Amino acid sequence: MTNIPAAREKSLSLAAIFFYSLSLFSHITMNLPNKLTGVFFTLGLGFLLSGCESMFHDDLDNCPQAVYVKLYNTTCKADSIGLNNQSNVHLLAFDEDNKLAASAELKDIDLGNKQKGFTEVRLPIKSDTPDQDRVYNIYAWTGVNGKFSADAKIGQKKDEIFASLRSGAESQYMNLGSDRVYFGQAGRSVVLKNPAKNGSQEDHIAVPVGELTYRLNVSVVLDKSMLGRVNPPSIREFGLEIKSGNGTYNFDASHALNSAIMTYQPNGPVVYNDTALVAKYTVMDLQTGLGSQVRISHSKNGQTRDVEMPIDIQHDLIAAILAYASKPENKFSFNLNCEHDIDLKFLIKDKCDGCGQYMCAGVFINDWLVHTFETELGK
């Protein structure tokens, strides 16, 4: 028996449907005016001829393929002003070789909410091997807006650079303000059958995304022991600086190696009261090994000195905080995957009366004292 190609088998079955539909169409339209009947006939024939399932086409290589993606927030303390307010989405499809096969950037899109049902976003995919089945892994980013330089070129590997937070004068990151960034990967791969045999293919998938931004409420507080000095320091003599090399991302949300360390700007003016300064920051994800540092300085009479900080905080603030928080004696539950609004407080003492040298005597996270340092007076 002669083998009939699959595409022709489908065409033959469609032919039967076409002629049956044509006879039914003739029956329905027999009493319509001739001109109107001709219009309906032309429209119906055009639809059949143009479709990827048309019996008149054996070449289905260019039939469209797509994945429809829904995003949902997996951050532990997800709130209504998080993912639902995102209006910028990057969808990325990587093939079996971890190379970018398709991408789409959508702006001004309403992702919806749980009550309304999440919005599906379409990611068109054109296979470069239409005679083969292909497997894709789907990644999603939101919030990578004009404050980032982002580029997605077909053929790039998932561990290559995708986006970097822009920087300006004096090596300062662009201020993120109230912006939030989310990233996620689909929990399963998408298989699209080869279009040469199967014509148009599509799949629907949900991608869990978690937040990568953190809002830090940082305060530097003068210890009460200094207030009774003859010449106590003014809180306005102290400065605060946060630096990190966490502003550059690969497609898979890993960080590019040896990224430049930049300074984060506070979201607004630093607020001073009698004994404390408070500054609010929005920073990218807090991971160890990215050179995240806090520098507190004291300036007076034209001289600026660094406040003595613990060595571990000087080299990697986040690693130190996580180490402090994990100590059993602290009885402090802290999970960076859940906590994205963090209060940090640094308690400052003088090393000696009137010597102008200061040290960090304690670190608080969300009002929990997680680390203390002995004050060595008289040195």
Protein backbone atom coordinates (compact mmCIF):
# COMPACT_ATOMS: atom_id res chain seq x y z
CA MET A 1 0.00 0.00 0.00
CA THR A 2 1.33 3.43 -0.94
CA ASN A 3 2.37 5.60 2.04
CA ILE A 4 0.61 8.96 2.12
CA PRO A 5 2.48 11.84 3.83
CA ALA A 6 0.80 13.09 6.98
CA ALA A 7 0.23 16.56 5.55
CA ARG A 8 -1.57 15.01 2.51
CA GLU A 9 -3.62 12.72 4.79
CA LYS A 10 -4.79 15.82 6.59
CA SER A 11 -5.48 17.55 3.27
CA LEU A 12 -7.61 14.62 2.08
CA SER A 13 -9.70 14.65 5.23
CA LEU A 14 -10.07 18.39 4.95
CA ALA A 15 -11.16 17.98 1.32
CA ALA A 16 -14.10 15.85 2.44
CA ILE A 17 -15.00 18.49 5.04
CA PHE A 18 -14.67 21.23 2.44
CA PHE A 19 -17.02 19.60 -0.09
CA TYR A 20 -19.54 18.71 2.61
CA SER A 21 -19.40 22.32 3.85
CA LEU A 22 -19.78 23.55 0.28
CA SER A 23 -22.96 21.54 -0.26
CA LEU A 24 -24.35 22.78 3.07
CA PHE A 25 -23.35 26.33 2.14
CA SER A 26 -25.19 26.01 -1.20
CA HIS A 27 -28.32 24.80 0.58
CA ILE A 28 -28.25 27.73 3.04
CA THR A 29 -27.59 30.40 0.44
CA MET A 30 -29.85 29.13 -2.38
CA ASN A 31 -32.49 31.70 -1.52
CA LEU A 32 -30.07 34.62 -1.03
CA PRO A 33 -29.47 37.20 -3.76
CA ASN A 34 -26.75 36.16 -6.19
CA LYS A 35 -24.35 38.98 -5.27
CA LEU A 36 -24.58 38.23 -1.54
CA THR A 37 -24.06 34.54 -2.18
CA GLY A 38 -20.91 35.33 -4.15
CA VAL A 39 -19.52 37.43 -1.33
CA PHE A 40 -20.03 34.64 1.24
CA PHE A 41 -18.52 32.09 -1.09
CA THR A 42 -15.42 34.21 -1.74
CA LEU A 43 -14.88 34.86 1.97
CA GLY A 44 -15.25 31.19 2.88
CA LEU A 45 -12.92 30.02 0.11
CA GLY A 46 -10.34 32.65 1.05
CA PHE A 47 -10.39 31.44 4.66
CA LEU A 48 -9.74 27.86 3.65
CA LEU A 49 -6.97 28.79 1.23
CA SER A 50 -5.12 31.01 3.70
CA GLY A 51 -5.15 28.74 6.75
CA CYS A 52 -2.25 26.50 7.83
CA GLU A 53 -4.66 23.57 7.78
CA SER A 54 -5.66 24.27 4.18
CA MET A 55 -5.98 21.25 1.88
CA PHE A 56 -4.36 23.38 -0.80
CA HIS A 57 -1.01 23.68 1.06
CA ASP A 58 1.54 20.91 1.57
CA ASP A 59 4.23 23.34 2.83
CA LEU A 60 3.39 24.11 6.47
CA ASP A 61 6.89 25.20 7.50
CA ASN A 62 5.87 28.79 8.13
CA CYS A 63 2.78 28.05 10.17
CA PRO A 64 2.81 30.19 13.33
CA GLN A 65 3.75 28.74 16.71
CA ALA A 66 3.31 30.44 20.06
CA VAL A 67 3.32 29.99 23.81
CA TYR A 68 0.72 31.82 25.90
CA VAL A 69 2.16 32.76 29.29
CA LYS A 70 0.49 33.69 32.55
CA LEU A 71 2.60 35.10 35.39
CA TYR A 72 1.87 34.69 39.08
CA ASN A 73 3.66 36.01 42.15
CA THR A 74 5.42 33.47 44.39
CA THR A 75 6.98 35.94 46.82
CA CYS A 76 6.10 34.72 50.32
CA LYS A 77 4.51 37.99 51.37
CA ALA A 78 2.95 38.84 48.03
CA ASP A 79 0.85 41.99 48.12
CA SER A 80 -1.60 43.76 45.87
CA ILE A 81 0.87 46.48 44.80
CA GLY A 82 3.45 44.01 43.57
CA LEU A 83 3.20 42.07 40.35
CA ASN A 84 -0.24 43.44 39.47
CA ASN A 85 1.24 46.91 38.91
CA GLN A 86 3.88 45.73 36.45
CA SER A 87 3.39 47.10 32.94
CA ASN A 88 6.55 45.82 31.31
CA VAL A 89 7.18 42.16 30.46
CA HIS A 90 10.06 40.31 28.77
CA LEU A 91 9.32 36.73 27.69
CA LEU A 92 12.20 34.49 26.59
CA ALA A 93 12.27 30.98 25.10
CA PHE A 94 15.50 28.96 25.25
CA ASP A 95 15.97 25.79 23.22
CA GLU A 96 17.58 22.46 24.08
CA ASP A 97 21.04 24.01 23.70
CA ASN A 98 20.18 26.83 26.13
CA LYS A 99 20.22 29.31 23.26
CA LEU A 100 17.65 32.08 22.91
CA ALA A 101 15.13 31.01 20.28
CA ALA A 102 12.45 33.68 20.73
CA SER A 103 11.82 36.81 22.77
CA ALA A 104 9.09 39.37 23.19
CA GLU A 105 8.96 42.68 25.06
CA LEU A 106 5.53 44.02 25.92
CA LYS A 107 4.93 47.45 27.39
CA ASP A 108 1.85 49.04 28.92
CA ILE A 109 0.23 45.67 29.55
CA ASP A 110 -2.18 44.92 32.39
CA LEU A 111 -1.17 41.65 34.04
CA GLY A 112 -4.44 41.54 35.96
CA ASN A 113 -4.98 40.13 39.43
CA LYS A 114 -6.32 37.05 41.17
CA GLN A 115 -9.87 38.35 41.18
CA LYS A 116 -9.96 39.13 37.46
CA GLY A 117 -7.80 36.23 36.31
CA PHE A 118 -4.25 36.79 35.18
CA THR A 119 -3.65 38.13 31.69
CA GLU A 120 -2.10 35.75 29.16
CA VAL A 121 0.84 37.14 27.20
CA ARG A 122 1.67 35.72 23.76
CA LEU A 123 5.24 34.69 22.88
CA PRO A 124 5.53 33.91 19.13
CA ILE A 125 8.12 31.27 18.24
CA LYS A 126 9.48 30.57 14.76
CA SER A 127 11.42 27.32 14.54
CA ASP A 128 14.67 27.31 12.57
CA THR A 129 14.21 23.55 12.07
CA PRO A 130 10.54 23.24 11.00
CA ASP A 131 10.95 19.53 10.25
CA GLN A 132 11.76 18.72 13.90
CA ASP A 133 9.98 18.81 17.24
CA ARG A 134 11.50 21.44 19.55
CA VAL A 135 11.68 21.79 23.32
CA TYR A 136 11.71 25.24 24.94
CA ASN A 137 12.25 26.56 28.46
CA ILE A 138 10.36 29.76 29.19
CA TYR A 139 11.74 32.63 31.28
CA ALA A 140 9.92 35.80 32.29
CA TRP A 141 11.05 39.18 33.57
CA THR A 142 8.93 42.15 34.59
CA GLY A 143 10.03 45.64 35.59
CA VAL A 144 13.11 45.73 33.34
CA ASN A 145 12.20 49.17 32.03
CA GLY A 146 14.07 52.21 30.73
CA LYS A 147 16.20 52.33 33.88
CA PHE A 148 17.96 49.23 32.56
CA SER A 149 19.96 48.62 29.43
CA ALA A 150 18.59 45.31 28.14
CA ASP A 151 19.29 43.36 24.97
CA ALA A 152 18.03 39.97 23.80
CA LYS A 153 19.60 38.57 20.62
CA ILE A 154 18.60 35.26 19.12
CA GLY A 155 21.32 32.67 19.71
CA GLN A 156 22.59 34.08 23.02
CA LYS A 157 23.12 31.62 25.88
CA LYS A 158 21.04 31.90 29.03
CA ASP A 159 24.17 32.60 31.11
CA GLU A 160 25.05 35.66 29.01
CA ILE A 161 24.28 39.24 30.04
CA PHE A 162 20.68 40.32 29.56
CA ALA A 163 20.19 43.52 31.55
CA SER A 164 22.13 46.07 33.61
CA LEU A 165 20.83 48.78 35.88
CA ARG A 166 21.98 52.03 34.30
CA SER A 167 24.51 54.21 36.10
CA GLY A 168 25.28 57.91 35.93
CA ALA A 169 27.81 60.33 37.31
CA GLU A 170 30.13 59.27 40.11
CA SER A 171 29.41 55.57 39.47
CA GLN A 172 25.89 55.78 40.91
CA TYR A 173 23.09 53.45 39.93
CA MET A 174 19.95 55.03 38.52
CA ASN A 175 17.40 55.43 41.29
CA LEU A 176 14.83 52.62 41.25
CA GLY A 177 12.39 54.46 43.51
CA SER A 178 9.16 52.47 43.79
CA ASP A 179 9.98 50.16 40.84
CA ARG A 180 9.95 46.41 41.36
CA VAL A 181 11.61 43.69 39.31
CA TYR A 182 10.43 40.07 39.11
CA PHE A 183 11.92 36.98 37.49
CA GLY A 184 10.77 33.41 37.02
CA GLN A 185 11.11 30.22 35.00
CA ALA A 186 8.34 27.86 33.96
CA GLY A 187 8.24 24.63 35.96
CA ARG A 188 8.03 22.51 32.83
CA SER A 189 9.37 22.61 29.31
CA VAL A 190 7.19 23.36 26.30
CA VAL A 191 7.21 20.90 23.39
CA LEU A 192 6.08 22.23 20.02
CA LYS A 193 5.66 19.59 17.31
CA ASN A 194 7.35 20.28 14.01
CA PRO A 195 5.21 22.64 11.93
CA ALA A 196 6.15 20.94 8.63
CA LYS A 197 4.02 18.00 9.71
CA ASN A 198 1.64 19.43 12.26
CA GLY A 199 1.01 22.99 11.11
CA SER A 200 0.24 25.62 13.73
CA GLN A 201 1.14 24.72 17.32
CA GLU A 202 0.57 26.53 20.61
CA ASP A 203 0.82 25.83 24.31
CA HIS A 204 -0.38 27.55 27.48
CA ILE A 205 1.83 27.75 30.54
CA ALA A 206 2.02 29.50 33.92
CA VAL A 207 5.32 30.97 35.10
CA PRO A 208 5.94 31.62 38.81
CA VAL A 209 7.93 34.82 39.38
CA GLY A 210 9.58 36.11 42.52
CA GLU A 211 10.67 39.63 43.40
CA LEU A 212 14.33 40.62 42.97
CA THR A 213 14.09 44.12 44.45
CA TYR A 214 14.43 45.07 48.11
CA ARG A 215 13.39 48.18 49.96
CA LEU A 216 15.82 49.10 52.73
CA ASN A 217 14.93 51.52 55.50
CA VAL A 218 18.38 52.29 56.95
CA SER A 219 18.96 54.29 60.10
CA VAL A 220 22.19 55.37 61.77
CA VAL A 221 21.57 56.03 65.48
CA LEU A 222 23.89 57.68 68.01
CA ASP A 223 24.14 55.79 71.27
CA LYS A 224 22.73 57.58 74.31
CA SER A 225 26.10 57.30 76.07
CA MET A 226 27.47 60.08 73.85
CA LEU A 227 24.73 62.59 74.56
CA GLY A 228 26.23 63.55 77.93
CA ARG A 229 29.65 64.41 76.48
CA VAL A 230 30.94 67.95 76.77
CA ASN A 231 30.99 68.22 72.98
CA PRO A 232 28.69 65.48 71.69
CA PRO A 233 28.75 64.82 67.93
CA SER A 234 25.90 66.00 65.72
CA ILE A 235 24.06 63.36 63.71
CA ARG A 236 24.45 65.63 60.68
CA GLU A 237 28.19 64.98 60.81
CA PHE A 238 27.58 61.36 59.77
CA GLY A 239 27.09 60.03 56.26
CA LEU A 240 25.80 56.76 54.81
CA GLU A 241 26.67 54.95 51.59
CA ILE A 242 25.50 51.62 50.16
CA LYS A 243 27.42 49.95 47.33
CA SER A 244 27.03 46.69 45.45
CA GLY A 245 27.96 44.87 42.27
CA ASN A 246 24.45 43.41 41.93
CA GLY A 247 23.14 45.53 39.06
CA THR A 248 23.99 43.26 36.09
CA TYR A 249 21.99 40.12 35.27
CA ASN A 250 22.22 37.19 32.91
CA PHE A 251 19.07 35.88 31.22
CA ASP A 252 18.63 33.23 33.96
CA ALA A 253 18.92 35.86 36.74
CA SER A 254 22.41 34.79 37.71
CA HIS A 255 24.90 37.65 38.06
CA ALA A 256 27.67 38.45 35.63
CA LEU A 257 31.09 37.83 37.13
CA ASN A 258 33.24 40.77 38.20
CA SER A 259 30.47 43.34 37.76
CA ALA A 260 31.47 46.88 38.65
CA ILE A 261 30.56 47.98 42.18
CA MET A 262 28.30 51.04 42.08
CA THR A 263 26.68 53.27 44.68
CA TYR A 264 22.93 53.26 45.32
CA GLN A 265 21.23 56.62 45.73
CA PRO A 266 18.61 57.07 48.46
CA ASN A 267 15.03 57.33 47.22
CA GLY A 268 14.68 60.81 48.65
CA PRO A 269 16.35 63.29 50.99
CA VAL A 270 18.04 61.83 54.06
CA VAL A 271 15.95 62.61 57.15
CA TYR A 272 17.71 63.81 60.32
CA ASN A 273 16.40 64.07 63.85
CA ASP A 274 18.27 64.75 67.09
CA THR A 275 20.07 61.41 67.30
CA ALA A 276 19.45 59.51 64.04
CA LEU A 277 19.54 59.78 60.28
CA VAL A 278 17.18 57.73 58.12
CA ALA A 279 17.58 56.93 54.41
CA LYS A 280 15.39 54.75 52.20
CA TYR A 281 16.83 52.71 49.33
CA THR A 282 15.54 50.37 46.66
CA VAL A 283 18.24 47.90 45.65
CA MET A 284 18.47 44.83 43.49
CA ASP A 285 18.63 41.33 44.92
CA LEU A 286 20.72 40.75 48.01
CA GLN A 287 23.05 37.85 47.37
CA THR A 288 26.37 37.00 48.93
CA GLY A 289 29.55 37.48 46.96
CA LEU A 290 28.49 40.66 45.14
CA GLY A 291 30.46 43.15 47.20
CA SER A 292 27.45 44.68 48.95
CA GLN A 293 28.82 47.14 51.47
CA VAL A 294 27.63 49.74 53.94
CA ARG A 295 29.96 52.66 54.67
CA ILE A 296 29.24 55.07 57.51
CA SER A 297 31.51 58.09 57.78
CA HIS A 298 32.03 61.04 60.12
CA SER A 299 33.04 64.47 58.80
CA LYS A 300 34.16 67.43 60.90
CA ASN A 301 36.54 70.34 60.44
CA GLY A 302 37.27 69.32 56.86
CA GLN A 303 38.27 65.79 57.79
CA THR A 304 36.31 62.62 56.98
CA ARG A 305 36.89 59.33 58.77
CA ASP A 306 35.17 56.01 58.30
CA VAL A 307 33.19 54.70 61.24
CA GLU A 308 34.79 51.43 62.24
CA MET A 309 32.60 48.61 61.00
CA PRO A 310 32.92 44.84 61.55
CA ILE A 311 35.21 43.31 58.95
CA ASP A 312 32.50 40.97 57.67
CA ILE A 313 30.09 43.85 57.06
CA GLN A 314 32.81 45.85 55.32
CA HIS A 315 33.38 43.08 52.81
CA ASP A 316 29.90 41.62 52.35
CA LEU A 317 27.01 43.18 54.23
CA ILE A 318 24.46 40.60 53.12
CA ALA A 319 26.61 37.59 53.97
CA ALA A 320 27.15 39.08 57.43
CA ILE A 321 23.46 39.78 57.98
CA LEU A 322 22.50 36.26 56.92
CA ALA A 323 25.17 34.81 59.20
CA TYR A 324 23.94 36.90 62.12
CA ALA A 325 20.30 36.06 61.49
CA SER A 326 20.98 32.32 61.28
CA LYS A 327 22.53 32.11 64.75
CA PRO A 328 20.30 29.95 66.97
CA GLU A 329 20.66 32.31 69.93
CA ASN A 330 19.07 35.14 67.95
CA LYS A 331 15.77 33.26 67.61
CA PHE A 332 15.25 35.44 64.57
CA SER A 333 13.47 34.20 61.48
CA PHE A 334 14.81 35.90 58.36
CA ASN A 335 14.36 34.70 54.79
CA LEU A 336 15.48 36.91 51.92
CA ASN A 337 13.05 35.13 49.61
CA CYS A 338 10.21 36.42 51.76
CA GLU A 339 11.44 39.67 53.29
CA HIS A 340 11.61 42.46 50.72
CA ASP A 341 11.00 45.38 53.07
CA ILE A 342 13.84 45.44 55.57
CA ASP A 343 14.70 47.79 58.41
CA LEU A 344 18.44 48.06 59.10
CA LYS A 345 19.71 50.01 62.10
CA PHE A 346 23.33 50.70 62.98
CA LEU A 347 24.09 51.86 66.53
CA ILE A 348 27.11 54.19 66.72
CA LYS A 349 29.35 54.78 69.75
CA ASP A 350 32.55 56.76 70.21
CA LYS A 351 35.75 54.86 70.87
CA CYS A 352 36.86 57.48 73.38
CA ASP A 353 35.59 60.78 74.74
CA GLY A 354 36.46 63.62 72.37
CA CYS A 355 38.84 61.61 70.15
CA GLY A 356 36.59 61.86 67.09
CA GLN A 357 36.74 58.12 66.40
CA TYR A 358 33.55 56.11 66.15
CA MET A 359 32.49 52.51 65.76
CA CYS A 360 29.38 50.50 64.97
CA ALA A 361 28.34 48.93 68.26
CA GLY A 362 25.28 46.99 67.11
CA VAL A 363 23.30 45.85 64.10
CA PHE A 364 19.50 45.49 64.14
CA ILE A 365 17.37 43.83 61.46
CA ASN A 366 13.64 44.51 61.62
CA ASP A 367 14.10 45.63 65.25
CA TRP A 368 15.98 42.47 66.17
CA LEU A 369 19.46 42.96 67.62
CA VAL A 370 21.47 40.42 65.64
CA HIS A 371 25.02 41.48 66.43
CA THR A 372 26.85 43.51 69.08
CA PHE A 373 30.45 44.66 69.42
CA GLU A 374 32.45 45.44 72.52
CA THR A 375 33.29 49.13 72.98
CA GLU A 376 36.93 49.57 73.88
CA LEU A 377 37.04 52.89 75.70
CA GLY A 378 40.22 54.79 76.29
CA LYS A 379 42.07 53.62 73.17
